[in-house]
Amino acid sequence: MNVEQALEQLKNDGFKYTGKREQMLELFSKEKRYLSAKDVLVELQKDYPGVSFDTVYRNLSLFAEKEILEMTELDGEKKFRFSCATSQHHHHLICLDCGKTKHIHSCPMDWLEENVESDFAVTSHKFEIYGYCEECQAKSKVTA
């Protein structure tokens, strides 16, 4: 997904174009990591000093509902990033320090389905692995 596609999707779903929405989407297009609502608020306040946390959060929730953004929870806080461009099923490695992500193309559900008999009907799942990327590991060695 890119900014133009996201804005077009919002328009087609009956939502108005606003400069704030476009700027929020531009921010996510430049970042390859999860951002909190506070991260977005701080960035937006540079051009829109009166923007409220509620406005930012409502738009982030709308973008997640429309599958423009993906949402995860880190340390009890919801964080967002642009939905992956790939339609192939995958999961993520997520750096706990900088929030960068990498795709995992294998799925633990494949193993589960092959090795566990169950009468439980799975409708969806989410699998994320948290740790530290190479850059953050190197940074912590330098400062340790």
C-alpha atoms as a PDB file:
ATOM      1  CA  MET A   1       0.000   0.000   0.000  1.00  0.00           C
ATOM      2  CA  ASN A   2       1.189   3.512  -0.712  1.00  0.00           C
ATOM      3  CA  VAL A   3      -0.168   6.968   0.122  1.00  0.00           C
ATOM      4  CA  GLU A   4      -2.089   7.401  -3.143  1.00  0.00           C
ATOM      5  CA  GLN A   5      -3.736   3.983  -2.845  1.00  0.00           C
ATOM      6  CA  ALA A   6      -4.663   4.662   0.782  1.00  0.00           C
ATOM      7  CA  LEU A   7      -6.204   8.059  -0.031  1.00  0.00           C
ATOM      8  CA  GLU A   8      -8.113   6.559  -2.949  1.00  0.00           C
ATOM      9  CA  GLN A   9      -9.436   3.774  -0.732  1.00  0.00           C
ATOM     10  CA  LEU A  10     -10.600   6.302   1.869  1.00  0.00           C
ATOM     11  CA  LYS A  11     -12.290   8.386  -0.841  1.00  0.00           C
ATOM     12  CA  ASN A  12     -14.036   5.309  -2.289  1.00  0.00           C
ATOM     13  CA  ASP A  13     -15.259   4.416   1.206  1.00  0.00           C
ATOM     14  CA  GLY A  14     -16.786   7.883   1.643  1.00  0.00           C
ATOM     15  CA  PHE A  15     -14.141   9.551   3.812  1.00  0.00           C
ATOM     16  CA  LYS A  16     -12.976  13.090   3.110  1.00  0.00           C
ATOM     17  CA  TYR A  17      -9.484  14.028   2.051  1.00  0.00           C
ATOM     18  CA  THR A  18      -7.674  16.097   4.677  1.00  0.00           C
ATOM     19  CA  GLY A  19      -4.122  17.378   4.810  1.00  0.00           C
ATOM     20  CA  LYS A  20      -3.688  15.769   8.227  1.00  0.00           C
ATOM     21  CA  ARG A  21      -4.661  12.355   6.893  1.00  0.00           C
ATOM     22  CA  GLU A  22      -2.301  12.716   3.960  1.00  0.00           C
ATOM     23  CA  GLN A  23       0.542  13.833   6.215  1.00  0.00           C
ATOM     24  CA  MET A  24      -0.073  10.893   8.550  1.00  0.00           C
ATOM     25  CA  LEU A  25       0.050   8.489   5.620  1.00  0.00           C
ATOM     26  CA  GLU A  26       3.211  10.182   4.278  1.00  0.00           C
ATOM     27  CA  LEU A  27       4.857   9.639   7.671  1.00  0.00           C
ATOM     28  CA  PHE A  28       4.041   5.929   7.564  1.00  0.00           C
ATOM     29  CA  SER A  29       5.275   5.647   3.979  1.00  0.00           C
ATOM     30  CA  LYS A  30       8.697   6.946   5.053  1.00  0.00           C
ATOM     31  CA  GLU A  31       8.986   4.684   8.093  1.00  0.00           C
ATOM     32  CA  LYS A  32       9.694   0.966   8.024  1.00  0.00           C
ATOM     33  CA  ARG A  33       8.785   0.535  11.661  1.00  0.00           C
ATOM     34  CA  TYR A  34       5.812   0.626  13.967  1.00  0.00           C
ATOM     35  CA  LEU A  35       4.851   4.076  15.265  1.00  0.00           C
ATOM     36  CA  SER A  36       2.773   4.979  18.297  1.00  0.00           C
ATOM     37  CA  ALA A  37      -0.016   7.540  18.269  1.00  0.00           C
ATOM     38  CA  LYS A  38       2.308   9.788  20.270  1.00  0.00           C
ATOM     39  CA  ASP A  39       5.013   9.489  17.563  1.00  0.00           C
ATOM     40  CA  VAL A  40       2.453  10.554  14.967  1.00  0.00           C
ATOM     41  CA  LEU A  41       1.110  13.375  17.162  1.00  0.00           C
ATOM     42  CA  VAL A  42       4.586  14.857  17.699  1.00  0.00           C
ATOM     43  CA  GLU A  43       5.249  14.833  13.953  1.00  0.00           C
ATOM     44  CA  LEU A  44       1.852  16.307  13.029  1.00  0.00           C
ATOM     45  CA  GLN A  45       2.110  19.083  15.603  1.00  0.00           C
ATOM     46  CA  LYS A  46       5.006  20.572  13.626  1.00  0.00           C
ATOM     47  CA  ASP A  47       2.536  21.635  10.908  1.00  0.00           C
ATOM     48  CA  TYR A  48      -0.733  21.461  12.881  1.00  0.00           C
ATOM     49  CA  PRO A  49       0.028  22.787  16.398  1.00  0.00           C
ATOM     50  CA  GLY A  50      -3.594  22.430  17.508  1.00  0.00           C
ATOM     51  CA  VAL A  51      -4.054  18.800  16.453  1.00  0.00           C
ATOM     52  CA  SER A  52      -5.278  16.633  19.324  1.00  0.00           C
ATOM     53  CA  PHE A  53      -4.302  13.159  20.400  1.00  0.00           C
ATOM     54  CA  ASP A  54      -7.934  12.092  19.864  1.00  0.00           C
ATOM     55  CA  THR A  55      -7.832  13.222  16.225  1.00  0.00           C
ATOM     56  CA  VAL A  56      -4.630  11.280  15.607  1.00  0.00           C
ATOM     57  CA  TYR A  57      -5.907   8.183  17.376  1.00  0.00           C
ATOM     58  CA  ARG A  58      -9.288   8.218  15.581  1.00  0.00           C
ATOM     59  CA  ASN A  59      -7.527   8.398  12.226  1.00  0.00           C
ATOM     60  CA  LEU A  60      -5.082   5.625  13.146  1.00  0.00           C
ATOM     61  CA  SER A  61      -8.028   3.446  14.187  1.00  0.00           C
ATOM     62  CA  LEU A  62      -9.814   4.238  10.907  1.00  0.00           C
ATOM     63  CA  PHE A  63      -6.695   3.373   8.896  1.00  0.00           C
ATOM     64  CA  ALA A  64      -6.350   0.078  10.790  1.00  0.00           C
ATOM     65  CA  GLU A  65     -10.050  -0.732  10.294  1.00  0.00           C
ATOM     66  CA  LYS A  66      -9.641  -0.111   6.545  1.00  0.00           C
ATOM     67  CA  GLU A  67      -6.487  -2.299   6.567  1.00  0.00           C
ATOM     68  CA  ILE A  68      -4.348   0.608   5.415  1.00  0.00           C
ATOM     69  CA  LEU A  69      -2.284   0.226   8.577  1.00  0.00           C
ATOM     70  CA  GLU A  70      -1.388  -2.866  10.567  1.00  0.00           C
ATOM     71  CA  MET A  71      -1.610  -2.656  14.339  1.00  0.00           C
ATOM     72  CA  THR A  72       0.332  -4.475  17.036  1.00  0.00           C
ATOM     73  CA  GLU A  73       0.773  -3.990  20.747  1.00  0.00           C
ATOM     74  CA  LEU A  74       4.231  -3.424  22.247  1.00  0.00           C
ATOM     75  CA  ASP A  75       4.668  -2.815  25.968  1.00  0.00           C
ATOM     76  CA  GLY A  76       0.928  -2.293  26.361  1.00  0.00           C
ATOM     77  CA  GLU A  77       0.799   0.409  23.680  1.00  0.00           C
ATOM     78  CA  LYS A  78      -0.832   0.115  20.278  1.00  0.00           C
ATOM     79  CA  LYS A  79       1.578   0.786  17.425  1.00  0.00           C
ATOM     80  CA  PHE A  80       0.920   1.081  13.712  1.00  0.00           C
ATOM     81  CA  ARG A  81       2.686   0.677  10.373  1.00  0.00           C
ATOM     82  CA  PHE A  82       1.678   0.609   6.715  1.00  0.00           C
ATOM     83  CA  SER A  83       0.111  -2.693   5.706  1.00  0.00           C
ATOM     84  CA  CYS A  84       2.553  -4.912   3.916  1.00  0.00           C
ATOM     85  CA  ALA A  85       2.626  -4.652   0.147  1.00  0.00           C
ATOM     86  CA  THR A  86       2.745  -8.412  -0.243  1.00  0.00           C
ATOM     87  CA  SER A  87      -0.443 -10.424  -0.360  1.00  0.00           C
ATOM     88  CA  GLN A  88       1.526 -13.585   0.493  1.00  0.00           C
ATOM     89  CA  HIS A  89       0.788 -14.899   3.996  1.00  0.00           C
ATOM     90  CA  HIS A  90       3.604 -13.967   6.368  1.00  0.00           C
ATOM     91  CA  HIS A  91       4.479 -12.892   9.900  1.00  0.00           C
ATOM     92  CA  HIS A  92       6.975 -10.440  11.404  1.00  0.00           C
ATOM     93  CA  LEU A  93      10.145 -10.097  13.433  1.00  0.00           C
ATOM     94  CA  ILE A  94       9.826  -6.818  15.356  1.00  0.00           C
ATOM     95  CA  CYS A  95      12.704  -4.919  16.980  1.00  0.00           C
ATOM     96  CA  LEU A  96      11.762  -3.849  20.491  1.00  0.00           C
ATOM     97  CA  ASP A  97      14.160  -0.893  20.357  1.00  0.00           C
ATOM     98  CA  CYS A  98      13.616   0.822  16.997  1.00  0.00           C
ATOM     99  CA  GLY A  99      10.386  -0.917  15.876  1.00  0.00           C
ATOM    100  CA  LYS A 100      11.742  -2.071  12.488  1.00  0.00           C
ATOM    101  CA  THR A 101      10.170  -5.209  11.081  1.00  0.00           C
ATOM    102  CA  LYS A 102      11.200  -8.082   8.836  1.00  0.00           C
ATOM    103  CA  HIS A 103       8.964 -10.618   7.143  1.00  0.00           C
ATOM    104  CA  ILE A 104       8.907 -14.282   8.159  1.00  0.00           C
ATOM    105  CA  HIS A 105       7.605 -16.323   5.249  1.00  0.00           C
ATOM    106  CA  SER A 106       7.058 -19.550   7.134  1.00  0.00           C
ATOM    107  CA  CYS A 107       4.058 -19.970   9.388  1.00  0.00           C
ATOM    108  CA  PRO A 108       3.840 -21.882  12.674  1.00  0.00           C
ATOM    109  CA  MET A 109       0.211 -22.678  11.864  1.00  0.00           C
ATOM    110  CA  ASP A 110       1.437 -24.969   9.075  1.00  0.00           C
ATOM    111  CA  TRP A 111       3.206 -27.118  11.683  1.00  0.00           C
ATOM    112  CA  LEU A 112       0.219 -26.987  14.022  1.00  0.00           C
ATOM    113  CA  GLU A 113      -2.222 -28.114  11.352  1.00  0.00           C
ATOM    114  CA  GLU A 114       0.063 -31.008  10.370  1.00  0.00           C
ATOM    115  CA  ASN A 115       0.868 -32.194  13.917  1.00  0.00           C
ATOM    116  CA  VAL A 116      -2.072 -31.475  16.198  1.00  0.00           C
ATOM    117  CA  GLU A 117      -5.496 -32.993  15.801  1.00  0.00           C
ATOM    118  CA  SER A 118      -8.126 -30.551  16.874  1.00  0.00           C
ATOM    119  CA  ASP A 119     -11.795 -29.882  16.495  1.00  0.00           C
ATOM    120  CA  PHE A 120     -11.066 -26.157  16.928  1.00  0.00           C
ATOM    121  CA  ALA A 121     -11.862 -24.121  13.805  1.00  0.00           C
ATOM    122  CA  VAL A 122      -9.191 -21.440  13.439  1.00  0.00           C
ATOM    123  CA  THR A 123     -10.482 -18.360  11.621  1.00  0.00           C
ATOM    124  CA  SER A 124      -7.348 -16.218  11.841  1.00  0.00           C
ATOM    125  CA  HIS A 125      -4.067 -15.878  13.669  1.00  0.00           C
ATOM    126  CA  LYS A 126      -1.206 -13.486  14.276  1.00  0.00           C
ATOM    127  CA  PHE A 127       2.379 -14.450  14.977  1.00  0.00           C
ATOM    128  CA  GLU A 128       5.061 -11.935  15.903  1.00  0.00           C
ATOM    129  CA  ILE A 129       8.563 -12.461  17.248  1.00  0.00           C
ATOM    130  CA  TYR A 130      10.095  -9.695  19.327  1.00  0.00           C
ATOM    131  CA  GLY A 131      13.793  -9.036  19.803  1.00  0.00           C
ATOM    132  CA  TYR A 132      16.533  -6.668  18.650  1.00  0.00           C
ATOM    133  CA  CYS A 133      17.700  -5.951  15.104  1.00  0.00           C
ATOM    134  CA  GLU A 134      21.377  -6.023  14.174  1.00  0.00           C
ATOM    135  CA  GLU A 135      21.752  -2.220  14.377  1.00  0.00           C
ATOM    136  CA  CYS A 136      20.175  -2.008  17.837  1.00  0.00           C
ATOM    137  CA  GLN A 137      22.287  -4.905  19.102  1.00  0.00           C
ATOM    138  CA  ALA A 138      25.433  -3.139  17.864  1.00  0.00           C
ATOM    139  CA  LYS A 139      24.292   0.152  19.414  1.00  0.00           C
ATOM    140  CA  SER A 140      23.730  -1.480  22.814  1.00  0.00           C
ATOM    141  CA  LYS A 141      27.204  -3.097  22.705  1.00  0.00           C
ATOM    142  CA  VAL A 142      28.778   0.297  22.053  1.00  0.00           C
ATOM    143  CA  THR A 143      26.931   1.977  24.938  1.00  0.00           C
ATOM    144  CA  ALA A 144      27.156  -0.945  27.377  1.00  0.00           C
END
